[in-house]
Every structure is written in structure tokens, then in C-alpha cells.
Amino acid sequence: MADGRKTPEFVRPGEHPRMVPIPPQGDVDARFDGQAQGQASRTGDLPRSPRLLDRVRQEIRTRHYSPRTETAYVAWIKRFIFFYDKRHPNEMGEAEISGFVSHLATRRKVSASTQGQALAALLFLYKNVLRRDLKLMEIARAKRPARLPLILSRTEVAAILAHLQGTCWLMASLMYGSGLRVLECCRLRVKDIDFERRELTVRDGKGEKDRVTLLPERLLEPLAAHLERVRRMHASDIRNGTGFVELPYALGIKYPNAAREWGWQWVFPATKHYIHKETGQRRRHFLHETVIQRAVRRASGSSNAGR
């Protein structure tokens, strides 16, 4: 190639040998991705104009899909484009989609959920971005295995919790006692805890649905003590000119001071700040889910409760 990069040896015409997300690379992605094109346009190589992946991102954000969904959909659309040697999706249709999704199952041996996610991303592209109705041909589907869920006994759960300490113990206990998903626990805000009624309100859960669940009595005192520590940390942040958190949707525009109010603070905040690019605010994110996941994994190994 002219820029010195080695041309990949395709398994067959239009087939990339490794089905991995393709990173933005100058002239490769600039035809489709405005983020990659923006760097080139600053040097005068390309004029600014909306690109396909920018339109995809805009449609996803208009529907309030999660950032993880956006990342996954954009990655699959890039894979699809590279699978057919960088042809524009408008030049392709049902046959190409069927061929790509079938290839994932027959050649790449992906799981049924992975194949379903790829198909969902492409259907979103054609329906909501390109405004095309598709009648898909027969697709080779990855077989979804019939698996039994892994259920731990009370003794095994107690053994795992006994190997946890501090914040991780409290989070794991809440997830077990209140039936919270990992991210639901991480994203709890102070205002969503009702000690008097012993309830937790889960906001924007799976499917963007709210629900109310119970707050175990044995966790009332540990949770109250934890919130007191968080309150002192928040007060220190306020004194230092920070204390901001992310607010849902455009609430921060309607209520500019809400991001520093105690009720909107995370129950389990991160230990470090980050700089919000748009506002320049020093904010705290909620504790990343991998912290509790790794802690539970280590506790499971130490307690010999994992199966």
C-alpha cells in the first residue's frame, strides 16, 4: 500500500483473516468515520462532512442506547465493511448481510449471542441509518447451548462473602440480598436509598426500566456507615471546588447545581477524579464494575466455593 502498511492476505475475496475490530486508520476509515476524518481534515487532506459511522452514533444516542451498545454496534459495522473489502453498505444488501453473519457461525465459530449482536448492529444500520427495509435470506445460525444456571448454596455464598472486605463486601452483599445486577449496584445514587422503608430504587435498569427492591435489614448499619464516609469525601471535594457527578440526559442543563448535590452522588464512587471534556469539570465516576468482579473472583477461589 502507498502508506507502507502491509496489505492483508485475504482468505478469499472480501474476507479479512482476523475478525477483530478494525482501528481507525487515516484514509481507511475517513470514508466512513467522521472521527477519523476529523484528524485528516485538520491537516487539509479532507473536507469536513457527516460520515456513515457518525450517523450511526447519532441515531444510537437519539434512542438513548448505552455507550457499550454504541461501541459494539460501530465495531460490528466496521467489521462488516472490511469483510467486503471496504465497500459502502449502501452498495450491499440482504445477501451480503446473510453471508457475513453466516460466516461468523460457520468459519469463526462465534457464540449465538455474539452472532445475534452482529446481526442486530447491521439491522440497525440498514433500518435506522440507511432507511432500507431488508428481507434477509436464510442465515446459518450459531447453536445456542442449553446450559443449566450455576446456583450457589447459602453456605457457599457466605464463604465468598467472608473473604471480602470493605466496599466490595458491601456491594456483593447488596447484590445478593437485593437482587441487583453488577452495574445496577455500581450506579446506585444516594437518593435511591430509602432507609425508612428499607427499599432501593433501581433507575434505568435492563430495558431502561425502573424498579423497587428490598434493602436487607442486616445491611442498614454498614450501608449508613459507608454513606457517612462518602459524605465526608464529598464535602472535601466541595471545599476543593469539585464534587461533580454525571447526570442523566440533559438534567445538568436544566439544573446546573444538581451535579454537586448530595442526593445525586454515587453510593460507590471511584477513588479518583476525571476531567469531563465538554464542561471541564473534575468529576467522580462510579466505582468500575471490574473492581467488584475481580474481588468476587478472588474470594471465590480462596473460599473454594466456585464450581
Protein backbone atom coordinates (compact mmCIF):
# COMPACT_ATOMS: atom_id res chain seq x y z
CA MET A 1 0.00 0.00 0.00
CA ALA A 2 1.08 3.60 -0.59
CA ASP A 3 1.38 4.42 3.12
CA GLY A 4 3.67 1.50 3.82
CA ARG A 5 1.14 -0.72 5.61
CA LYS A 6 1.18 -4.35 4.60
CA THR A 7 -1.84 -5.49 2.62
CA PRO A 8 -3.56 -8.38 4.46
CA GLU A 9 -3.65 -11.74 2.72
CA PHE A 10 -7.35 -12.43 2.38
CA VAL A 11 -8.63 -15.95 2.89
CA ARG A 12 -10.96 -15.30 -0.03
CA PRO A 13 -12.03 -12.13 -1.84
CA GLY A 14 -13.55 -9.77 0.66
CA GLU A 15 -12.74 -11.88 3.75
CA HIS A 16 -10.48 -10.46 6.42
CA PRO A 17 -8.32 -13.16 8.05
CA ARG A 18 -8.96 -11.92 11.61
CA MET A 19 -12.46 -10.89 12.61
CA VAL A 20 -11.39 -8.23 15.11
CA PRO A 21 -12.43 -4.57 15.42
CA ILE A 22 -10.53 -2.52 12.85
CA PRO A 23 -8.89 0.55 14.41
CA PRO A 24 -9.32 3.93 12.72
CA GLN A 25 -6.53 4.38 10.16
CA GLY A 26 -6.46 7.62 8.20
CA ASP A 27 -7.60 7.01 4.63
CA VAL A 28 -9.10 3.64 5.57
CA ASP A 29 -11.78 4.90 7.98
CA ALA A 30 -12.07 8.50 6.84
CA ARG A 31 -14.50 7.49 4.10
CA PHE A 32 -16.91 6.16 6.73
CA ASP A 33 -15.94 7.63 10.09
CA GLY A 34 -16.05 11.36 10.81
CA GLN A 35 -13.94 10.91 13.95
CA ALA A 36 -11.08 9.54 11.87
CA GLN A 37 -11.81 12.04 9.11
CA GLY A 38 -11.63 14.92 11.59
CA GLN A 39 -7.91 14.37 12.17
CA ALA A 40 -7.23 14.33 8.46
CA SER A 41 -9.37 17.40 7.80
CA ARG A 42 -7.36 19.43 10.28
CA THR A 43 -4.34 18.90 8.06
CA GLY A 44 -6.28 19.96 4.96
CA ASP A 45 -6.48 16.46 3.47
CA LEU A 46 -10.27 16.08 3.58
CA PRO A 47 -13.21 18.49 3.94
CA ARG A 48 -15.48 18.04 6.93
CA SER A 49 -18.78 16.30 6.21
CA PRO A 50 -21.02 13.83 8.05
CA ARG A 51 -19.91 10.24 7.67
CA LEU A 52 -21.68 6.93 7.97
CA LEU A 53 -20.45 6.00 11.44
CA ASP A 54 -21.20 9.50 12.71
CA ARG A 55 -24.78 8.99 11.56
CA VAL A 56 -24.83 5.60 13.31
CA ARG A 57 -23.64 7.18 16.56
CA GLN A 58 -26.20 9.96 16.27
CA GLU A 59 -29.09 7.53 15.76
CA ILE A 60 -27.94 5.40 18.71
CA ARG A 61 -27.67 8.41 21.01
CA THR A 62 -31.04 9.74 19.89
CA ARG A 63 -32.55 6.46 21.11
CA HIS A 64 -30.61 6.66 24.39
CA TYR A 65 -28.83 3.36 23.87
CA SER A 66 -25.98 2.67 26.26
CA PRO A 67 -22.38 3.67 25.37
CA ARG A 68 -21.46 -0.02 25.34
CA THR A 69 -24.12 -0.71 22.74
CA GLU A 70 -22.78 2.15 20.64
CA THR A 71 -19.23 0.81 20.83
CA ALA A 72 -20.32 -2.72 19.94
CA TYR A 73 -22.55 -1.66 17.02
CA VAL A 74 -19.89 0.59 15.49
CA ALA A 75 -17.30 -2.19 15.80
CA TRP A 76 -19.57 -4.70 14.03
CA ILE A 77 -20.37 -2.28 11.23
CA LYS A 78 -16.65 -1.72 10.71
CA ARG A 79 -16.08 -5.47 10.57
CA PHE A 80 -18.85 -5.80 8.02
CA ILE A 81 -17.32 -3.09 5.82
CA PHE A 82 -13.85 -4.65 5.96
CA PHE A 83 -15.23 -8.15 5.36
CA TYR A 84 -16.37 -6.97 1.92
CA ASP A 85 -13.15 -5.09 1.12
CA LYS A 86 -14.37 -1.66 2.29
CA ARG A 87 -17.47 -1.48 0.12
CA HIS A 88 -20.03 1.04 1.30
CA PRO A 89 -23.04 -0.63 2.98
CA ASN A 90 -25.38 1.22 0.60
CA GLU A 91 -23.88 -0.87 -2.20
CA MET A 92 -24.75 -4.09 -0.38
CA GLY A 93 -27.88 -5.73 0.93
CA GLU A 94 -29.51 -8.91 2.17
CA ALA A 95 -27.11 -11.35 0.50
CA GLU A 96 -24.02 -9.68 1.96
CA ILE A 97 -25.52 -9.50 5.45
CA SER A 98 -26.50 -13.16 5.32
CA GLY A 99 -23.06 -14.11 4.07
CA PHE A 100 -21.28 -12.16 6.80
CA VAL A 101 -23.45 -13.38 9.68
CA SER A 102 -23.32 -16.98 8.42
CA HIS A 103 -19.52 -16.72 8.17
CA LEU A 104 -19.37 -15.79 11.85
CA ALA A 105 -21.11 -19.02 12.79
CA THR A 106 -19.57 -21.44 10.29
CA ARG A 107 -15.98 -20.15 9.99
CA ARG A 108 -15.36 -18.05 13.10
CA LYS A 109 -17.34 -20.34 15.43
CA VAL A 110 -18.76 -17.45 17.44
CA SER A 111 -21.42 -17.96 20.09
CA ALA A 112 -25.10 -17.49 19.35
CA SER A 113 -25.22 -14.28 21.39
CA THR A 114 -22.24 -12.82 19.50
CA GLN A 115 -23.82 -13.63 16.16
CA GLY A 116 -27.09 -12.11 17.33
CA GLN A 117 -25.35 -8.91 18.35
CA ALA A 118 -23.67 -8.63 14.94
CA LEU A 119 -26.99 -9.13 13.16
CA ALA A 120 -28.70 -6.57 15.41
CA ALA A 121 -26.00 -4.00 14.61
CA LEU A 122 -26.39 -4.47 10.86
CA LEU A 123 -30.19 -4.39 11.01
CA PHE A 124 -29.95 -1.15 12.99
CA LEU A 125 -27.64 0.29 10.33
CA TYR A 126 -29.93 -0.50 7.42
CA LYS A 127 -33.22 0.27 9.12
CA ASN A 128 -32.42 3.40 11.13
CA VAL A 129 -29.46 4.95 9.29
CA LEU A 130 -29.75 3.92 5.64
CA ARG A 131 -33.58 3.72 5.83
CA ARG A 132 -33.80 0.45 3.96
CA ASP A 133 -36.18 -2.43 4.62
CA LEU A 134 -34.49 -5.81 4.31
CA LYS A 135 -35.80 -9.29 3.64
CA LEU A 136 -33.00 -11.48 4.88
CA MET A 137 -32.21 -14.77 3.25
CA GLU A 138 -31.63 -17.92 5.27
CA ILE A 139 -28.81 -17.44 7.78
CA ALA A 140 -26.64 -20.16 9.29
CA ARG A 141 -27.28 -19.70 12.99
CA ALA A 142 -24.85 -20.50 15.78
CA LYS A 143 -26.44 -23.06 18.07
CA ARG A 144 -27.37 -21.70 21.46
CA PRO A 145 -26.39 -24.35 24.03
CA ALA A 146 -28.88 -25.38 26.67
CA ARG A 147 -26.93 -24.64 29.84
CA LEU A 148 -28.00 -25.02 33.43
CA PRO A 149 -27.50 -21.95 35.61
CA LEU A 150 -24.84 -22.09 38.31
CA ILE A 151 -26.57 -21.68 41.65
CA LEU A 152 -24.56 -21.31 44.84
CA SER A 153 -25.88 -22.56 48.15
CA ARG A 154 -26.22 -20.24 51.14
CA THR A 155 -23.12 -21.81 52.65
CA GLU A 156 -21.09 -21.12 49.50
CA VAL A 157 -22.32 -17.52 49.31
CA ALA A 158 -21.43 -16.98 52.98
CA ALA A 159 -17.96 -18.42 52.34
CA ILE A 160 -17.37 -16.00 49.46
CA LEU A 161 -18.64 -13.01 51.44
CA ALA A 162 -16.37 -13.98 54.32
CA HIS A 163 -13.36 -13.45 52.05
CA LEU A 164 -14.48 -9.94 51.06
CA GLN A 165 -13.89 -6.74 52.98
CA GLY A 166 -14.94 -3.11 52.99
CA THR A 167 -16.72 -1.68 49.97
CA CYS A 168 -16.51 -4.91 47.96
CA TRP A 169 -18.17 -6.85 50.79
CA LEU A 170 -20.96 -4.27 50.98
CA MET A 171 -21.52 -4.29 47.21
CA ALA A 172 -21.56 -8.09 46.99
CA SER A 173 -23.95 -8.28 49.96
CA LEU A 174 -26.28 -5.76 48.30
CA MET A 175 -26.26 -7.64 45.02
CA TYR A 176 -27.05 -10.90 46.80
CA GLY A 177 -29.58 -9.52 49.27
CA SER A 178 -31.35 -7.06 46.96
CA GLY A 179 -31.09 -8.93 43.66
CA LEU A 180 -29.05 -6.25 41.89
CA ARG A 181 -27.04 -6.67 38.71
CA VAL A 182 -23.42 -5.56 38.87
CA LEU A 183 -23.90 -2.26 37.03
CA GLU A 184 -27.15 -1.56 38.88
CA CYS A 185 -25.22 -1.76 42.13
CA CYS A 186 -22.35 0.39 40.84
CA ARG A 187 -24.76 3.07 39.59
CA LEU A 188 -26.77 3.47 42.78
CA ARG A 189 -27.21 7.08 43.87
CA VAL A 190 -27.76 8.32 47.41
CA LYS A 191 -31.31 9.50 46.66
CA ASP A 192 -32.29 5.98 45.56
CA ILE A 193 -31.86 4.56 49.08
CA ASP A 194 -34.82 4.75 51.45
CA PHE A 195 -33.73 3.64 54.93
CA GLU A 196 -37.14 4.27 56.48
CA ARG A 197 -38.98 1.99 54.06
CA ARG A 198 -35.94 -0.29 53.60
CA GLU A 199 -36.10 0.00 49.83
CA LEU A 200 -33.75 0.58 46.92
CA THR A 201 -34.89 2.17 43.67
CA VAL A 202 -33.07 0.89 40.60
CA ARG A 203 -33.01 3.53 37.85
CA ASP A 204 -32.62 2.71 34.16
CA GLY A 205 -32.19 -0.99 34.72
CA LYS A 206 -32.27 -3.55 31.95
CA GLY A 207 -34.54 -2.27 29.18
CA GLU A 208 -34.40 1.25 30.71
CA LYS A 209 -36.93 0.18 33.33
CA ASP A 210 -37.08 1.36 36.94
CA ARG A 211 -37.96 -0.96 39.78
CA VAL A 212 -38.06 -1.05 43.56
CA THR A 213 -36.37 -3.80 45.53
CA LEU A 214 -35.80 -4.53 49.21
CA LEU A 215 -32.92 -3.34 51.37
CA PRO A 216 -31.80 -6.14 53.73
CA GLU A 217 -32.08 -5.22 57.39
CA ARG A 218 -28.62 -6.54 58.26
CA LEU A 219 -27.09 -4.07 55.77
CA LEU A 220 -28.74 -0.95 57.20
CA GLU A 221 -25.94 -0.08 59.61
CA PRO A 222 -23.00 -0.96 57.31
CA LEU A 223 -24.58 1.00 54.46
CA ALA A 224 -25.28 4.01 56.68
CA ALA A 225 -21.66 4.00 57.91
CA HIS A 226 -20.42 3.73 54.32
CA LEU A 227 -22.57 6.68 53.23
CA GLU A 228 -21.19 8.77 56.09
CA ARG A 229 -17.67 8.17 54.75
CA VAL A 230 -18.83 9.07 51.25
CA ARG A 231 -20.47 12.24 52.61
CA ARG A 232 -17.20 13.35 54.19
CA MET A 233 -15.35 12.69 50.93
CA HIS A 234 -17.97 14.66 49.01
CA ALA A 235 -17.70 17.56 51.46
CA SER A 236 -13.95 17.58 50.92
CA ASP A 237 -14.49 17.63 47.16
CA ILE A 238 -16.86 20.58 47.50
CA ARG A 239 -14.29 22.51 49.50
CA ASN A 240 -11.74 21.83 46.76
CA GLY A 241 -14.07 23.10 44.03
CA THR A 242 -15.09 19.72 42.65
CA GLY A 243 -17.87 17.37 43.81
CA PHE A 244 -19.49 16.94 40.38
CA VAL A 245 -21.02 13.71 39.05
CA GLU A 246 -22.62 12.82 35.73
CA LEU A 247 -26.36 13.45 35.49
CA PRO A 248 -28.79 11.57 33.25
CA TYR A 249 -29.72 13.07 29.88
CA ALA A 250 -29.93 16.91 29.91
CA LEU A 251 -30.69 17.26 33.61
CA GLY A 252 -27.42 19.12 34.16
CA ILE A 253 -28.59 21.87 31.78
CA LYS A 254 -31.94 22.25 33.47
CA TYR A 255 -30.48 22.11 36.99
CA PRO A 256 -26.86 23.32 36.82
CA ASN A 257 -26.19 22.79 40.55
CA ALA A 258 -27.70 19.31 40.79
CA ALA A 259 -24.42 17.61 39.86
CA ARG A 260 -22.95 18.67 43.23
CA GLU A 261 -25.99 17.90 45.37
CA TRP A 262 -25.67 15.10 47.89
CA GLY A 263 -28.68 13.15 46.63
CA TRP A 264 -27.19 12.74 43.16
CA GLN A 265 -23.84 11.41 44.37
CA TRP A 266 -22.84 7.83 43.69
CA VAL A 267 -23.21 5.42 46.60
CA PHE A 268 -19.99 3.74 45.48
CA PRO A 269 -17.81 6.49 43.98
CA ALA A 270 -14.45 5.98 42.33
CA THR A 271 -11.34 6.93 44.25
CA LYS A 272 -10.04 9.29 41.55
CA HIS A 273 -11.45 12.19 39.55
CA TYR A 274 -11.65 12.60 35.79
CA ILE A 275 -11.98 15.68 33.61
CA HIS A 276 -15.23 15.97 31.65
CA LYS A 277 -14.25 17.10 28.16
CA GLU A 278 -17.33 19.20 27.38
CA THR A 279 -17.56 21.14 30.66
CA GLY A 280 -14.02 20.89 32.03
CA GLN A 281 -15.45 19.75 35.39
CA ARG A 282 -13.47 17.44 37.67
CA ARG A 283 -15.96 14.67 38.34
CA ARG A 284 -16.14 11.36 40.13
CA HIS A 285 -17.32 8.31 38.25
CA PHE A 286 -18.95 5.38 39.98
CA LEU A 287 -16.65 2.54 41.01
CA HIS A 288 -15.82 0.50 37.93
CA GLU A 289 -17.58 -2.84 37.79
CA THR A 290 -14.33 -4.75 37.28
CA VAL A 291 -13.29 -3.87 40.85
CA ILE A 292 -16.10 -5.91 42.39
CA GLN A 293 -15.88 -8.60 39.71
CA ARG A 294 -12.20 -9.23 40.40
CA ALA A 295 -12.73 -9.16 44.15
CA VAL A 296 -15.51 -11.75 43.96
CA ARG A 297 -13.43 -13.91 41.63
CA ARG A 298 -10.51 -13.88 44.07
CA ALA A 299 -12.83 -14.58 47.01
CA SER A 300 -14.42 -17.46 45.14
CA GLY A 301 -11.01 -19.03 44.54
CA SER A 302 -9.89 -18.50 48.13
CA SER A 303 -13.08 -19.97 49.58
CA ASN A 304 -13.18 -22.94 47.18
CA ALA A 305 -16.85 -22.13 46.66
CA GLY A 306 -16.64 -21.68 42.88
CA ARG A 307 -17.72 -24.58 40.74
